[in-house]
Amino acid sequence: MPAQDSQMMQFLGIMVTISLIPMAVVLVYMIRKGLKTGSQLQGGRTVTCPETGDEVTVEVDAKHAGYTAAYDSEEVRLTDCTRWPEKAGCRQDCVGEIKHEAAK
């Protein structure tokens, strides 16, 4: 019986390893995608405010964009804008322009 137990343990070890490889590949893909998106959107940028038509400087929440991109649901939101705090809580429609730039 000990030989059968040893073979069973060896078989289970192989099955666990085979199961972990695809999960590791997916995890690496998600991390790379998140880091790439976050780094692309990091820093301030000038966009056209859809409300006023004026150029404004905005800061993207790069960590949030990277995290959501890793899960294939990239959500871009702002952390700062030159129109804030007076216009804080705006609809952040300028985000569409940022997403368009990042896609190039």
Protein backbone atom coordinates (compact mmCIF):
# COMPACT_ATOMS: atom_id res chain seq x y z
CA MET A 1 0.00 0.00 0.00
CA PRO A 2 2.76 2.55 0.65
CA ALA A 3 3.73 2.44 -3.04
CA GLN A 4 0.15 3.30 -4.04
CA ASP A 5 0.11 6.23 -1.57
CA SER A 6 3.37 7.50 -3.01
CA GLN A 7 2.05 7.24 -6.55
CA MET A 8 -1.16 9.03 -5.53
CA MET A 9 0.80 11.87 -3.92
CA GLN A 10 2.99 12.16 -6.99
CA PHE A 11 -0.10 12.25 -9.23
CA LEU A 12 -1.73 14.92 -7.07
CA GLY A 13 1.45 17.01 -7.15
CA ILE A 14 1.52 16.86 -10.94
CA MET A 15 -2.17 17.81 -11.16
CA VAL A 16 -1.70 20.79 -8.83
CA THR A 17 1.28 21.99 -10.88
CA ILE A 18 -0.66 21.64 -14.13
CA SER A 19 -3.53 23.61 -12.59
CA LEU A 20 -1.30 26.42 -11.32
CA ILE A 21 0.48 27.13 -14.60
CA PRO A 22 -2.55 28.61 -16.44
CA MET A 23 -3.48 30.64 -13.36
CA ALA A 24 0.05 32.06 -13.19
CA VAL A 25 -0.06 32.98 -16.88
CA VAL A 26 -3.37 34.82 -16.41
CA LEU A 27 -2.07 36.59 -13.33
CA VAL A 28 1.05 37.79 -15.15
CA TYR A 29 -1.11 39.02 -18.05
CA MET A 30 -3.38 40.96 -15.69
CA ILE A 31 -0.47 42.55 -13.83
CA ARG A 32 1.27 43.60 -17.07
CA LYS A 33 -1.94 45.07 -18.50
CA GLY A 34 -2.66 46.98 -15.30
CA LEU A 35 0.87 48.37 -15.03
CA LYS A 36 0.92 49.38 -18.70
CA THR A 37 -2.39 51.22 -18.47
CA GLY A 38 -1.47 52.89 -15.21
CA SER A 39 1.86 54.12 -16.54
CA GLN A 40 0.29 55.42 -19.77
CA LEU A 41 -2.24 57.48 -17.86
CA GLN A 42 0.09 58.72 -15.14
CA GLY A 43 0.78 62.44 -14.82
CA GLY A 44 -1.00 65.59 -15.82
CA ARG A 45 -2.33 66.24 -19.28
CA THR A 46 -4.09 69.02 -21.12
CA VAL A 47 -7.57 68.32 -22.49
CA THR A 48 -10.49 70.35 -23.78
CA CYS A 49 -13.26 70.78 -21.23
CA PRO A 50 -16.52 69.74 -22.92
CA GLU A 51 -18.51 72.20 -20.78
CA THR A 52 -16.52 75.34 -21.60
CA GLY A 53 -14.40 74.44 -24.63
CA ASP A 54 -11.35 75.73 -22.74
CA GLU A 55 -8.13 73.83 -22.29
CA VAL A 56 -7.70 72.49 -18.76
CA THR A 57 -5.05 70.43 -17.02
CA VAL A 58 -6.27 67.21 -15.43
CA GLU A 59 -4.69 64.43 -13.41
CA VAL A 60 -5.91 60.85 -13.95
CA ASP A 61 -6.29 58.34 -11.13
CA ALA A 62 -3.68 56.05 -12.72
CA LYS A 63 -3.81 53.43 -9.95
CA HIS A 64 -7.55 52.99 -10.35
CA ALA A 65 -7.29 52.89 -14.14
CA GLY A 66 -4.56 50.26 -13.95
CA TYR A 67 -6.44 48.15 -11.44
CA THR A 68 -9.67 48.18 -13.46
CA ALA A 69 -7.80 47.57 -16.73
CA ALA A 70 -6.34 44.41 -15.24
CA TYR A 71 -9.91 43.11 -14.95
CA ASP A 72 -10.82 44.20 -18.51
CA SER A 73 -13.11 46.97 -17.32
CA GLU A 74 -10.88 50.01 -17.63
CA GLU A 75 -12.43 52.91 -15.75
CA VAL A 76 -10.71 56.26 -16.09
CA ARG A 77 -11.49 58.95 -13.54
CA LEU A 78 -9.83 62.18 -12.52
CA THR A 79 -8.09 63.06 -9.28
CA ASP A 80 -7.57 66.72 -10.13
CA CYS A 81 -8.58 69.41 -12.62
CA THR A 82 -7.71 73.10 -12.94
CA ARG A 83 -11.44 73.88 -12.75
CA TRP A 84 -11.70 72.26 -9.33
CA PRO A 85 -12.71 72.89 -6.57
CA GLU A 86 -15.21 75.33 -8.11
CA LYS A 87 -16.48 72.71 -10.55
CA ALA A 88 -15.71 69.58 -8.51
CA GLY A 89 -18.28 66.89 -9.09
CA CYS A 90 -18.55 67.56 -12.84
CA ARG A 91 -19.43 64.67 -15.13
CA GLN A 92 -15.77 64.29 -16.19
CA ASP A 93 -16.75 64.02 -19.85
CA CYS A 94 -13.16 64.93 -20.80
CA VAL A 95 -12.22 61.38 -19.82
CA GLY A 96 -13.39 60.27 -23.27
CA GLU A 97 -10.63 62.38 -24.82
CA ILE A 98 -8.07 60.81 -22.49
CA LYS A 99 -9.21 57.29 -23.36
CA HIS A 100 -9.01 58.15 -27.07
CA GLU A 101 -5.43 59.43 -26.66
CA ALA A 102 -4.39 56.33 -24.71
CA ALA A 103 -5.79 54.03 -27.40
CA LYS A 104 -3.47 55.52 -30.06
